[in-house]
Amino acid sequence: MSEEDKIEKCDFIHVHEDRVKEVLGNMPEEEKLYDLAEFFKVFADSTRIKILYVLGQSEMCVCDIGNILGVSQSAVSHQLRILKQMQLVKYRREGKTVFYSLSDSHIKTILNQGFEHICE
């Protein structure tokens, strides 16, 4: 049995025009869908996911994050740069120390819902 045969599909081709028209009318702009895909790509790296989980627990500096994850400060900084570019984390400076945190509660919600989904 080929992979194509394993996928359930209609026995005959018939377009439900009313449904198609309604869905097309509600589709976001192509650019927004591209941005959404880019947003979710950030979650495709386990180090970044770990960093987001750490920051979901507490504001942390690069040294502490590296210590918790067992990775170098350089590796943490690289991943934080990506997370910052995607506006998933924010930072504040206190003297010579920079503390990172999640940019807002939506990020923690996304992580929690994703985790809940894979645990079902």
PDB file of N, CA and C in Angstrom:
ATOM      1  N   MET A   1       0.853  -1.177   0.000  1.00  0.00           N
ATOM      2  CA  MET A   1       0.000   0.000   0.000  1.00  0.00           C
ATOM      3  C   MET A   1       0.901   1.244   0.000  1.00  0.00           C
ATOM      4  N   SER A   2       0.693   2.133  -0.939  1.00  0.00           N
ATOM      5  CA  SER A   2       1.503   3.346  -1.023  1.00  0.00           C
ATOM      6  C   SER A   2       1.057   4.361   0.029  1.00  0.00           C
ATOM      7  N   GLU A   3       1.923   5.340   0.282  1.00  0.00           N
ATOM      8  CA  GLU A   3       1.589   6.393   1.255  1.00  0.00           C
ATOM      9  C   GLU A   3       0.312   7.126   0.858  1.00  0.00           C
ATOM     10  N   GLU A   4       0.126   7.347  -0.437  1.00  0.00           N
ATOM     11  CA  GLU A   4      -1.053   8.060  -0.910  1.00  0.00           C
ATOM     12  C   GLU A   4      -2.329   7.280  -0.603  1.00  0.00           C
ATOM     13  N   ASP A   5      -2.246   5.945  -0.678  1.00  0.00           N
ATOM     14  CA  ASP A   5      -3.413   5.119  -0.396  1.00  0.00           C
ATOM     15  C   ASP A   5      -3.804   5.154   1.077  1.00  0.00           C
ATOM     16  N   LYS A   6      -2.879   5.511   1.956  1.00  0.00           N
ATOM     17  CA  LYS A   6      -3.155   5.550   3.389  1.00  0.00           C
ATOM     18  C   LYS A   6      -3.942   6.790   3.807  1.00  0.00           C
ATOM     19  N   ILE A   7      -3.988   7.786   2.957  1.00  0.00           N
ATOM     20  CA  ILE A   7      -4.672   9.045   3.266  1.00  0.00           C
ATOM     21  C   ILE A   7      -6.130   8.938   2.828  1.00  0.00           C
ATOM     22  N   GLU A   8      -7.025   9.240   3.765  1.00  0.00           N
ATOM     23  CA  GLU A   8      -8.445   9.220   3.437  1.00  0.00           C
ATOM     24  C   GLU A   8      -8.763  10.394   2.529  1.00  0.00           C
ATOM     25  N   LYS A   9      -9.529  10.133   1.483  1.00  0.00           N
ATOM     26  CA  LYS A   9      -9.914  11.204   0.574  1.00  0.00           C
ATOM     27  C   LYS A   9     -11.282  10.901  -0.010  1.00  0.00           C
ATOM     28  N   CYS A  10     -11.861  11.905  -0.625  1.00  0.00           N
ATOM     29  CA  CYS A  10     -13.182  11.743  -1.227  1.00  0.00           C
ATOM     30  C   CYS A  10     -13.120  10.715  -2.357  1.00  0.00           C
ATOM     31  N   ASP A  11     -14.225  10.012  -2.568  1.00  0.00           N
ATOM     32  CA  ASP A  11     -14.299   9.037  -3.651  1.00  0.00           C
ATOM     33  C   ASP A  11     -14.562   9.704  -4.996  1.00  0.00           C
ATOM     34  N   PHE A  12     -15.056  10.935  -4.950  1.00  0.00           N
ATOM     35  CA  PHE A  12     -15.249  11.693  -6.185  1.00  0.00           C
ATOM     36  C   PHE A  12     -14.967  13.166  -5.891  1.00  0.00           C
ATOM     37  N   ILE A  13     -14.627  13.893  -6.944  1.00  0.00           N
ATOM     38  CA  ILE A  13     -14.274  15.302  -6.780  1.00  0.00           C
ATOM     39  C   ILE A  13     -15.533  16.156  -6.869  1.00  0.00           C
ATOM     40  N   HIS A  14     -15.751  16.912  -5.803  1.00  0.00           N
ATOM     41  CA  HIS A  14     -16.880  17.839  -5.741  1.00  0.00           C
ATOM     42  C   HIS A  14     -16.464  18.995  -4.843  1.00  0.00           C
ATOM     43  N   VAL A  15     -16.479  20.196  -5.363  1.00  0.00           N
ATOM     44  CA  VAL A  15     -16.100  21.375  -4.589  1.00  0.00           C
ATOM     45  C   VAL A  15     -17.350  21.953  -3.933  1.00  0.00           C
ATOM     46  N   HIS A  16     -17.267  22.148  -2.620  1.00  0.00           N
ATOM     47  CA  HIS A  16     -18.361  22.768  -1.865  1.00  0.00           C
ATOM     48  C   HIS A  16     -18.122  24.273  -1.895  1.00  0.00           C
ATOM     49  N   GLU A  17     -18.619  24.910  -2.956  1.00  0.00           N
ATOM     50  CA  GLU A  17     -18.289  26.302  -3.250  1.00  0.00           C
ATOM     51  C   GLU A  17     -18.618  27.257  -2.117  1.00  0.00           C
ATOM     52  N   ASP A  18     -19.728  27.050  -1.420  1.00  0.00           N
ATOM     53  CA  ASP A  18     -20.102  27.965  -0.343  1.00  0.00           C
ATOM     54  C   ASP A  18     -19.074  27.918   0.782  1.00  0.00           C
ATOM     55  N   ARG A  19     -18.609  26.726   1.141  1.00  0.00           N
ATOM     56  CA  ARG A  19     -17.593  26.599   2.192  1.00  0.00           C
ATOM     57  C   ARG A  19     -16.260  27.187   1.749  1.00  0.00           C
ATOM     58  N   VAL A  20     -15.896  26.891   0.509  1.00  0.00           N
ATOM     59  CA  VAL A  20     -14.624  27.397  -0.021  1.00  0.00           C
ATOM     60  C   VAL A  20     -14.635  28.919  -0.030  1.00  0.00           C
ATOM     61  N   LYS A  21     -15.720  29.513  -0.490  1.00  0.00           N
ATOM     62  CA  LYS A  21     -15.836  30.976  -0.548  1.00  0.00           C
ATOM     63  C   LYS A  21     -15.747  31.584   0.854  1.00  0.00           C
ATOM     64  N   GLU A  22     -16.425  30.962   1.821  1.00  0.00           N
ATOM     65  CA  GLU A  22     -16.406  31.474   3.195  1.00  0.00           C
ATOM     66  C   GLU A  22     -14.993  31.421   3.780  1.00  0.00           C
ATOM     67  N   VAL A  23     -14.333  30.301   3.594  1.00  0.00           N
ATOM     68  CA  VAL A  23     -12.978  30.153   4.132  1.00  0.00           C
ATOM     69  C   VAL A  23     -12.014  31.130   3.456  1.00  0.00           C
ATOM     70  N   LEU A  24     -12.095  31.248   2.151  1.00  0.00           N
ATOM     71  CA  LEU A  24     -11.226  32.190   1.437  1.00  0.00           C
ATOM     72  C   LEU A  24     -11.457  33.621   1.910  1.00  0.00           C
ATOM     73  N   GLY A  25     -12.706  33.948   2.246  1.00  0.00           N
ATOM     74  CA  GLY A  25     -13.025  35.282   2.742  1.00  0.00           C
ATOM     75  C   GLY A  25     -12.438  35.570   4.114  1.00  0.00           C
ATOM     76  N   ASN A  26     -12.115  34.504   4.848  1.00  0.00           N
ATOM     77  CA  ASN A  26     -11.558  34.662   6.195  1.00  0.00           C
ATOM     78  C   ASN A  26     -10.063  34.403   6.281  1.00  0.00           C
ATOM     79  N   MET A  27      -9.445  34.078   5.170  1.00  0.00           N
ATOM     80  CA  MET A  27      -8.005  33.790   5.181  1.00  0.00           C
ATOM     81  C   MET A  27      -7.220  35.083   5.404  1.00  0.00           C
ATOM     82  N   PRO A  28      -6.225  35.024   6.288  1.00  0.00           N
ATOM     83  CA  PRO A  28      -5.357  36.195   6.478  1.00  0.00           C
ATOM     84  C   PRO A  28      -4.526  36.454   5.220  1.00  0.00           C
ATOM     85  N   GLU A  29      -3.952  37.650   5.169  1.00  0.00           N
ATOM     86  CA  GLU A  29      -3.087  37.998   4.041  1.00  0.00           C
ATOM     87  C   GLU A  29      -1.886  37.056   4.012  1.00  0.00           C
ATOM     88  N   GLU A  30      -1.370  36.825   2.825  1.00  0.00           N
ATOM     89  CA  GLU A  30      -0.230  35.926   2.635  1.00  0.00           C
ATOM     90  C   GLU A  30       0.952  36.311   3.519  1.00  0.00           C
ATOM     91  N   GLU A  31       1.219  37.605   3.636  1.00  0.00           N
ATOM     92  CA  GLU A  31       2.341  38.086   4.453  1.00  0.00           C
ATOM     93  C   GLU A  31       2.160  37.716   5.928  1.00  0.00           C
ATOM     94  N   LYS A  32       0.931  37.813   6.415  1.00  0.00           N
ATOM     95  CA  LYS A  32       0.655  37.462   7.813  1.00  0.00           C
ATOM     96  C   LYS A  32       0.855  35.959   8.046  1.00  0.00           C
ATOM     97  N   LEU A  33       0.442  35.138   7.081  1.00  0.00           N
ATOM     98  CA  LEU A  33       0.648  33.696   7.203  1.00  0.00           C
ATOM     99  C   LEU A  33       2.138  33.353   7.184  1.00  0.00           C
ATOM    100  N   TYR A  34       2.900  34.062   6.362  1.00  0.00           N
ATOM    101  CA  TYR A  34       4.351  33.873   6.332  1.00  0.00           C
ATOM    102  C   TYR A  34       4.947  34.235   7.691  1.00  0.00           C
ATOM    103  N   ASP A  35       4.521  35.372   8.248  1.00  0.00           N
ATOM    104  CA  ASP A  35       5.016  35.800   9.569  1.00  0.00           C
ATOM    105  C   ASP A  35       4.675  34.766  10.645  1.00  0.00           C
ATOM    106  N   LEU A  36       3.491  34.189  10.565  1.00  0.00           N
ATOM    107  CA  LEU A  36       3.083  33.172  11.527  1.00  0.00           C
ATOM    108  C   LEU A  36       3.967  31.925  11.410  1.00  0.00           C
ATOM    109  N   ALA A  37       4.263  31.530  10.182  1.00  0.00           N
ATOM    110  CA  ALA A  37       5.149  30.380   9.970  1.00  0.00           C
ATOM    111  C   ALA A  37       6.533  30.659  10.545  1.00  0.00           C
ATOM    112  N   GLU A  38       7.049  31.859  10.334  1.00  0.00           N
ATOM    113  CA  GLU A  38       8.349  32.248  10.884  1.00  0.00           C
ATOM    114  C   GLU A  38       8.321  32.233  12.413  1.00  0.00           C
ATOM    115  N   PHE A  39       7.224  32.698  12.981  1.00  0.00           N
ATOM    116  CA  PHE A  39       7.049  32.694  14.434  1.00  0.00           C
ATOM    117  C   PHE A  39       7.164  31.272  14.978  1.00  0.00           C
ATOM    118  N   PHE A  40       6.469  30.327  14.352  1.00  0.00           N
ATOM    119  CA  PHE A  40       6.492  28.955  14.841  1.00  0.00           C
ATOM    120  C   PHE A  40       7.821  28.257  14.575  1.00  0.00           C
ATOM    121  N   LYS A  41       8.579  28.698  13.591  1.00  0.00           N
ATOM    122  CA  LYS A  41       9.911  28.118  13.348  1.00  0.00           C
ATOM    123  C   LYS A  41      10.814  28.306  14.560  1.00  0.00           C
ATOM    124  N   VAL A  42      10.640  29.408  15.271  1.00  0.00           N
ATOM    125  CA  VAL A  42      11.459  29.693  16.448  1.00  0.00           C
ATOM    126  C   VAL A  42      11.297  28.589  17.491  1.00  0.00           C
ATOM    127  N   PHE A  43      10.125  27.990  17.556  1.00  0.00           N
ATOM    128  CA  PHE A  43       9.844  26.943  18.536  1.00  0.00           C
ATOM    129  C   PHE A  43      10.408  25.586  18.113  1.00  0.00           C
ATOM    130  N   ALA A  44      11.037  25.524  16.956  1.00  0.00           N
ATOM    131  CA  ALA A  44      11.536  24.250  16.429  1.00  0.00           C
ATOM    132  C   ALA A  44      12.921  23.879  16.957  1.00  0.00           C
ATOM    133  N   ASP A  45      13.457  24.648  17.871  1.00  0.00           N
ATOM    134  CA  ASP A  45      14.788  24.371  18.428  1.00  0.00           C
ATOM    135  C   ASP A  45      14.645  24.074  19.916  1.00  0.00           C
ATOM    136  N   SER A  46      15.140  22.913  20.351  1.00  0.00           N
ATOM    137  CA  SER A  46      14.940  22.507  21.745  1.00  0.00           C
ATOM    138  C   SER A  46      15.656  23.428  22.732  1.00  0.00           C
ATOM    139  N   THR A  47      16.786  24.000  22.357  1.00  0.00           N
ATOM    140  CA  THR A  47      17.469  24.937  23.266  1.00  0.00           C
ATOM    141  C   THR A  47      16.623  26.180  23.482  1.00  0.00           C
ATOM    142  N   ARG A  48      16.033  26.695  22.414  1.00  0.00           N
ATOM    143  CA  ARG A  48      15.172  27.872  22.561  1.00  0.00           C
ATOM    144  C   ARG A  48      13.943  27.546  23.402  1.00  0.00           C
ATOM    145  N   ILE A  49      13.371  26.357  23.207  1.00  0.00           N
ATOM    146  CA  ILE A  49      12.219  25.942  24.017  1.00  0.00           C
ATOM    147  C   ILE A  49      12.617  25.892  25.487  1.00  0.00           C
ATOM    148  N   LYS A  50      13.785  25.322  25.778  1.00  0.00           N
ATOM    149  CA  LYS A  50      14.259  25.238  27.160  1.00  0.00           C
ATOM    150  C   LYS A  50      14.439  26.632  27.754  1.00  0.00           C
ATOM    151  N   ILE A  51      15.012  27.534  26.984  1.00  0.00           N
ATOM    152  CA  ILE A  51      15.209  28.910  27.451  1.00  0.00           C
ATOM    153  C   ILE A  51      13.857  29.548  27.756  1.00  0.00           C
ATOM    154  N   LEU A  52      12.891  29.360  26.874  1.00  0.00           N
ATOM    155  CA  LEU A  52      11.567  29.934  27.106  1.00  0.00           C
ATOM    156  C   LEU A  52      10.918  29.345  28.355  1.00  0.00           C
ATOM    157  N   TYR A  53      11.099  28.050  28.573  1.00  0.00           N
ATOM    158  CA  TYR A  53      10.552  27.430  29.792  1.00  0.00           C
ATOM    159  C   TYR A  53      11.224  27.992  31.041  1.00  0.00           C
ATOM    160  N   VAL A  54      12.536  28.159  30.987  1.00  0.00           N
ATOM    161  CA  VAL A  54      13.263  28.744  32.124  1.00  0.00           C
ATOM    162  C   VAL A  54      12.730  30.144  32.405  1.00  0.00           C
ATOM    163  N   LEU A  55      12.598  30.948  31.349  1.00  0.00           N
ATOM    164  CA  LEU A  55      12.145  32.331  31.529  1.00  0.00           C
ATOM    165  C   LEU A  55      10.661  32.391  31.918  1.00  0.00           C
ATOM    166  N   GLY A  56       9.938  31.332  31.665  1.00  0.00           N
ATOM    167  CA  GLY A  56       8.549  31.256  32.115  1.00  0.00           C
ATOM    168  C   GLY A  56       8.457  31.067  33.623  1.00  0.00           C
ATOM    169  N   GLN A  57       9.553  30.606  34.222  1.00  0.00           N
ATOM    170  CA  GLN A  57       9.606  30.402  35.672  1.00  0.00           C
ATOM    171  C   GLN A  57      10.126  31.637  36.394  1.00  0.00           C
ATOM    172  N   SER A  58      11.123  32.292  35.768  1.00  0.00           N
ATOM    173  CA  SER A  58      11.752  33.421  36.450  1.00  0.00           C
ATOM    174  C   SER A  58      12.576  34.247  35.471  1.00  0.00           C
ATOM    175  N   GLU A  59      12.684  35.507  35.764  1.00  0.00           N
ATOM    176  CA  GLU A  59      13.608  36.379  35.042  1.00  0.00           C
ATOM    177  C   GLU A  59      15.022  35.867  35.323  1.00  0.00           C
ATOM    178  N   MET A  60      15.876  35.825  34.308  1.00  0.00           N
ATOM    179  CA  MET A  60      17.222  35.271  34.481  1.00  0.00           C
ATOM    180  C   MET A  60      18.246  36.014  33.636  1.00  0.00           C
ATOM    181  N   CYS A  61      19.491  35.936  34.106  1.00  0.00           N
ATOM    182  CA  CYS A  61      20.593  36.461  33.301  1.00  0.00           C
ATOM    183  C   CYS A  61      21.171  35.314  32.467  1.00  0.00           C
ATOM    184  N   VAL A  62      21.995  35.651  31.482  1.00  0.00           N
ATOM    185  CA  VAL A  62      22.590  34.671  30.580  1.00  0.00           C
ATOM    186  C   VAL A  62      23.387  33.625  31.350  1.00  0.00           C
ATOM    187  N   CYS A  63      24.130  34.051  32.362  1.00  0.00           N
ATOM    188  CA  CYS A  63      24.946  33.118  33.164  1.00  0.00           C
ATOM    189  C   CYS A  63      24.076  32.059  33.820  1.00  0.00           C
ATOM    190  N   ASP A  64      22.974  32.487  34.423  1.00  0.00           N
ATOM    191  CA  ASP A  64      22.081  31.550  35.114  1.00  0.00           C
ATOM    192  C   ASP A  64      21.403  30.599  34.128  1.00  0.00           C
ATOM    193  N   ILE A  65      20.979  31.119  32.996  1.00  0.00           N
ATOM    194  CA  ILE A  65      20.337  30.266  31.980  1.00  0.00           C
ATOM    195  C   ILE A  65      21.321  29.204  31.503  1.00  0.00           C
ATOM    196  N   GLY A  66      22.544  29.626  31.210  1.00  0.00           N
ATOM    197  CA  GLY A  66      23.575  28.696  30.766  1.00  0.00           C
ATOM    198  C   GLY A  66      23.848  27.624  31.803  1.00  0.00           C
ATOM    199  N   ASN A  67      23.879  28.035  33.076  1.00  0.00           N
ATOM    200  CA  ASN A  67      24.119  27.089  34.167  1.00  0.00           C
ATOM    201  C   ASN A  67      22.995  26.060  34.266  1.00  0.00           C
ATOM    202  N   ILE A  68      21.763  26.512  34.172  1.00  0.00           N
ATOM    203  CA  ILE A  68      20.605  25.619  34.260  1.00  0.00           C
ATOM    204  C   ILE A  68      20.597  24.624  33.103  1.00  0.00           C
ATOM    205  N   LEU A  69      20.888  25.112  31.898  1.00  0.00           N
ATOM    206  CA  LEU A  69      20.806  24.261  30.709  1.00  0.00           C
ATOM    207  C   LEU A  69      22.084  23.486  30.429  1.00  0.00           C
ATOM    208  N   GLY A  70      23.172  23.864  31.091  1.00  0.00           N
ATOM    209  CA  GLY A  70      24.446  23.189  30.840  1.00  0.00           C
ATOM    210  C   GLY A  70      25.037  23.528  29.488  1.00  0.00           C
ATOM    211  N   VAL A  71      24.827  24.758  29.049  1.00  0.00           N
ATOM    212  CA  VAL A  71      25.392  25.220  27.779  1.00  0.00           C
ATOM    213  C   VAL A  71      26.166  26.515  28.020  1.00  0.00           C
ATOM    214  N   SER A  72      26.987  26.889  27.062  1.00  0.00           N
ATOM    215  CA  SER A  72      27.829  28.075  27.208  1.00  0.00           C
ATOM    216  C   SER A  72      27.005  29.358  27.148  1.00  0.00           C
ATOM    217  N   GLN A  73      27.574  30.412  27.730  1.00  0.00           N
ATOM    218  CA  GLN A  73      26.924  31.726  27.662  1.00  0.00           C
ATOM    219  C   GLN A  73      26.787  32.176  26.212  1.00  0.00           C
ATOM    220  N   SER A  74      27.772  31.818  25.408  1.00  0.00           N
ATOM    221  CA  SER A  74      27.736  32.170  23.992  1.00  0.00           C
ATOM    222  C   SER A  74      26.544  31.521  23.291  1.00  0.00           C
ATOM    223  N   ALA A  75      26.306  30.246  23.594  1.00  0.00           N
ATOM    224  CA  ALA A  75      25.172  29.532  22.994  1.00  0.00           C
ATOM    225  C   ALA A  75      23.851  30.146  23.449  1.00  0.00           C
ATOM    226  N   VAL A  76      23.764  30.479  24.728  1.00  0.00           N
ATOM    227  CA  VAL A  76      22.552  31.107  25.265  1.00  0.00           C
ATOM    228  C   VAL A  76      22.338  32.464  24.602  1.00  0.00           C
ATOM    229  N   SER A  77      23.378  33.257  24.508  1.00  0.00           N
ATOM    230  CA  SER A  77      23.273  34.589  23.898  1.00  0.00           C
ATOM    231  C   SER A  77      22.794  34.505  22.453  1.00  0.00           C
ATOM    232  N   HIS A  78      23.330  33.531  21.729  1.00  0.00           N
ATOM    233  CA  HIS A  78      22.923  33.350  20.325  1.00  0.00           C
ATOM    234  C   HIS A  78      21.424  33.075  20.233  1.00  0.00           C
ATOM    235  N   GLN A  79      20.931  32.168  21.079  1.00  0.00           N
ATOM    236  CA  GLN A  79      19.512  31.827  21.049  1.00  0.00           C
ATOM    237  C   GLN A  79      18.641  32.979  21.550  1.00  0.00           C
ATOM    238  N   LEU A  80      19.116  33.695  22.559  1.00  0.00           N
ATOM    239  CA  LEU A  80      18.366  34.851  23.060  1.00  0.00           C
ATOM    240  C   LEU A  80      18.240  35.930  21.993  1.00  0.00           C
ATOM    241  N   ARG A  81      19.265  36.086  21.179  1.00  0.00           N
ATOM    242  CA  ARG A  81      19.224  37.075  20.093  1.00  0.00           C
ATOM    243  C   ARG A  81      18.062  36.741  19.144  1.00  0.00           C
ATOM    244  N   ILE A  82      17.927  35.468  18.802  1.00  0.00           N
ATOM    245  CA  ILE A  82      16.837  35.037  17.916  1.00  0.00           C
ATOM    246  C   ILE A  82      15.487  35.257  18.586  1.00  0.00           C
ATOM    247  N   LEU A  83      15.386  34.877  19.852  1.00  0.00           N
ATOM    248  CA  LEU A  83      14.133  35.056  20.589  1.00  0.00           C
ATOM    249  C   LEU A  83      13.767  36.529  20.726  1.00  0.00           C
ATOM    250  N   LYS A  84      14.775  37.356  20.902  1.00  0.00           N
ATOM    251  CA  LYS A  84      14.537  38.802  21.013  1.00  0.00           C
ATOM    252  C   LYS A  84      14.074  39.372  19.667  1.00  0.00           C
ATOM    253  N   GLN A  85      14.691  38.932  18.582  1.00  0.00           N
ATOM    254  CA  GLN A  85      14.295  39.401  17.246  1.00  0.00           C
ATOM    255  C   GLN A  85      12.839  39.066  16.942  1.00  0.00           C
ATOM    256  N   MET A  86      12.387  37.924  17.455  1.00  0.00           N
ATOM    257  CA  MET A  86      10.999  37.513  17.232  1.00  0.00           C
ATOM    258  C   MET A  86      10.058  38.055  18.312  1.00  0.00           C
ATOM    259  N   GLN A  87      10.584  38.900  19.187  1.00  0.00           N
ATOM    260  CA  GLN A  87       9.822  39.567  20.241  1.00  0.00           C
ATOM    261  C   GLN A  87       9.189  38.576  21.228  1.00  0.00           C
ATOM    262  N   LEU A  88       9.910  37.471  21.485  1.00  0.00           N
ATOM    263  CA  LEU A  88       9.443  36.495  22.456  1.00  0.00           C
ATOM    264  C   LEU A  88      10.028  36.750  23.833  1.00  0.00           C
ATOM    265  N   VAL A  89      11.164  37.424  23.879  1.00  0.00           N
ATOM    266  CA  VAL A  89      11.784  37.784  25.155  1.00  0.00           C
ATOM    267  C   VAL A  89      12.108  39.270  25.153  1.00  0.00           C
ATOM    268  N   LYS A  90      12.217  39.801  26.367  1.00  0.00           N
ATOM    269  CA  LYS A  90      12.640  41.191  26.556  1.00  0.00           C
ATOM    270  C   LYS A  90      13.747  41.184  27.602  1.00  0.00           C
ATOM    271  N   TYR A  91      14.410  42.298  27.759  1.00  0.00           N
ATOM    272  CA  TYR A  91      15.490  42.354  28.747  1.00  0.00           C
ATOM    273  C   TYR A  91      15.483  43.687  29.460  1.00  0.00           C
ATOM    274  N   ARG A  92      16.158  43.686  30.603  1.00  0.00           N
ATOM    275  CA  ARG A  92      16.396  44.918  31.339  1.00  0.00           C
ATOM    276  C   ARG A  92      17.790  44.827  31.931  1.00  0.00           C
ATOM    277  N   ARG A  93      18.418  45.976  32.047  1.00  0.00           N
ATOM    278  CA  ARG A  93      19.770  46.037  32.579  1.00  0.00           C
ATOM    279  C   ARG A  93      19.728  46.521  34.021  1.00  0.00           C
ATOM    280  N   GLU A  94      20.486  45.831  34.868  1.00  0.00           N
ATOM    281  CA  GLU A  94      20.648  46.234  36.257  1.00  0.00           C
ATOM    282  C   GLU A  94      22.146  46.255  36.532  1.00  0.00           C
ATOM    283  N   GLY A  95      22.725  47.450  36.482  1.00  0.00           N
ATOM    284  CA  GLY A  95      24.179  47.569  36.607  1.00  0.00           C
ATOM    285  C   GLY A  95      24.854  46.891  35.432  1.00  0.00           C
ATOM    286  N   LYS A  96      25.710  45.925  35.718  1.00  0.00           N
ATOM    287  CA  LYS A  96      26.413  45.203  34.660  1.00  0.00           C
ATOM    288  C   LYS A  96      25.694  43.923  34.238  1.00  0.00           C
ATOM    289  N   THR A  97      24.570  43.645  34.854  1.00  0.00           N
ATOM    290  CA  THR A  97      23.838  42.414  34.569  1.00  0.00           C
ATOM    291  C   THR A  97      22.605  42.702  33.719  1.00  0.00           C
ATOM    292  N   VAL A  98      22.385  41.838  32.732  1.00  0.00           N
ATOM    293  CA  VAL A  98      21.202  41.935  31.880  1.00  0.00           C
ATOM    294  C   VAL A  98      20.287  40.762  32.216  1.00  0.00           C
ATOM    295  N   PHE A  99      19.058  41.074  32.572  1.00  0.00           N
ATOM    296  CA  PHE A  99      18.068  40.063  32.911  1.00  0.00           C
ATOM    297  C   PHE A  99      17.068  39.913  31.773  1.00  0.00           C
ATOM    298  N   TYR A 100      16.774  38.668  31.429  1.00  0.00           N
ATOM    299  CA  TYR A 100      15.807  38.364  30.371  1.00  0.00           C
ATOM    300  C   TYR A 100      14.541  37.796  30.976  1.00  0.00           C
ATOM    301  N   SER A 101      13.428  38.046  30.298  1.00  0.00           N
ATOM    302  CA  SER A 101      12.137  37.495  30.694  1.00  0.00           C
ATOM    303  C   SER A 101      11.286  37.327  29.436  1.00  0.00           C
ATOM    304  N   LEU A 102      10.189  36.592  29.578  1.00  0.00           N
ATOM    305  CA  LEU A 102       9.265  36.454  28.456  1.00  0.00           C
ATOM    306  C   LEU A 102       8.659  37.817  28.149  1.00  0.00           C
ATOM    307  N   SER A 103       8.427  38.080  26.882  1.00  0.00           N
ATOM    308  CA  SER A 103       7.914  39.400  26.503  1.00  0.00           C
ATOM    309  C   SER A 103       6.481  39.626  26.976  1.00  0.00           C
ATOM    310  N   ASP A 104       5.679  38.544  27.054  1.00  0.00           N
ATOM    311  CA  ASP A 104       4.325  38.672  27.588  1.00  0.00           C
ATOM    312  C   ASP A 104       3.769  37.292  27.920  1.00  0.00           C
ATOM    313  N   SER A 105       2.585  37.258  28.497  1.00  0.00           N
ATOM    314  CA  SER A 105       1.990  36.000  28.954  1.00  0.00           C
ATOM    315  C   SER A 105       1.579  35.083  27.809  1.00  0.00           C
ATOM    316  N   HIS A 106       1.441  35.629  26.602  1.00  0.00           N
ATOM    317  CA  HIS A 106       1.058  34.793  25.466  1.00  0.00           C
ATOM    318  C   HIS A 106       2.079  33.684  25.215  1.00  0.00           C
ATOM    319  N   ILE A 107       3.340  33.989  25.421  1.00  0.00           N
ATOM    320  CA  ILE A 107       4.406  33.025  25.143  1.00  0.00           C
ATOM    321  C   ILE A 107       4.269  31.818  26.072  1.00  0.00           C
ATOM    322  N   LYS A 108       4.032  32.077  27.339  1.00  0.00           N
ATOM    323  CA  LYS A 108       3.853  30.983  28.298  1.00  0.00           C
ATOM    324  C   LYS A 108       2.612  30.170  27.947  1.00  0.00           C
ATOM    325  N   THR A 109       1.558  30.824  27.511  1.00  0.00           N
ATOM    326  CA  THR A 109       0.325  30.142  27.110  1.00  0.00           C
ATOM    327  C   THR A 109       0.581  29.229  25.918  1.00  0.00           C
ATOM    328  N   ILE A 110       1.320  29.712  24.934  1.00  0.00           N
ATOM    329  CA  ILE A 110       1.642  28.908  23.753  1.00  0.00           C
ATOM    330  C   ILE A 110       2.438  27.670  24.158  1.00  0.00           C
ATOM    331  N   LEU A 111       3.430  27.845  25.015  1.00  0.00           N
ATOM    332  CA  LEU A 111       4.225  26.712  25.488  1.00  0.00           C
ATOM    333  C   LEU A 111       3.363  25.718  26.249  1.00  0.00           C
ATOM    334  N   ASN A 112       2.543  26.214  27.154  1.00  0.00           N
ATOM    335  CA  ASN A 112       1.687  25.340  27.959  1.00  0.00           C
ATOM    336  C   ASN A 112       0.693  24.567  27.084  1.00  0.00           C
ATOM    337  N   GLN A 113       0.107  25.231  26.113  1.00  0.00           N
ATOM    338  CA  GLN A 113      -0.847  24.549  25.242  1.00  0.00           C
ATOM    339  C   GLN A 113      -0.145  23.520  24.359  1.00  0.00           C
ATOM    340  N   GLY A 114       1.038  23.841  23.879  1.00  0.00           N
ATOM    341  CA  GLY A 114       1.797  22.873  23.092  1.00  0.00           C
ATOM    342  C   GLY A 114       2.155  21.657  23.912  1.00  0.00           C
ATOM    343  N   PHE A 115       2.595  21.885  25.139  1.00  0.00           N
ATOM    344  CA  PHE A 115       2.966  20.786  26.013  1.00  0.00           C
ATOM    345  C   PHE A 115       1.746  19.934  26.359  1.00  0.00           C
ATOM    346  N   GLU A 116       0.652  20.594  26.615  1.00  0.00           N
ATOM    347  CA  GLU A 116      -0.600  19.889  26.921  1.00  0.00           C
ATOM    348  C   GLU A 116      -1.015  19.013  25.733  1.00  0.00           C
ATOM    349  N   HIS A 117      -0.857  19.527  24.536  1.00  0.00           N
ATOM    350  CA  HIS A 117      -1.227  18.792  23.326  1.00  0.00           C
ATOM    351  C   HIS A 117      -0.399  17.521  23.164  1.00  0.00           C
ATOM    352  N   ILE A 118       0.924  17.616  23.366  1.00  0.00           N
ATOM    353  CA  ILE A 118       1.764  16.441  23.162  1.00  0.00           C
ATOM    354  C   ILE A 118       1.608  15.416  24.284  1.00  0.00           C
ATOM    355  N   CYS A 119       1.078  15.840  25.424  1.00  0.00           N
ATOM    356  CA  CYS A 119       0.884  14.920  26.554  1.00  0.00           C
ATOM    357  C   CYS A 119      -0.472  14.223  26.513  1.00  0.00           C
ATOM    358  N   GLU A 120      -1.330  14.579  25.596  1.00  0.00           N
ATOM    359  CA  GLU A 120      -2.676  13.951  25.513  1.00  0.00           C
ATOM    360  C   GLU A 120      -2.557  12.501  25.086  1.00  0.00           C
TER     361      GLU A 120
END
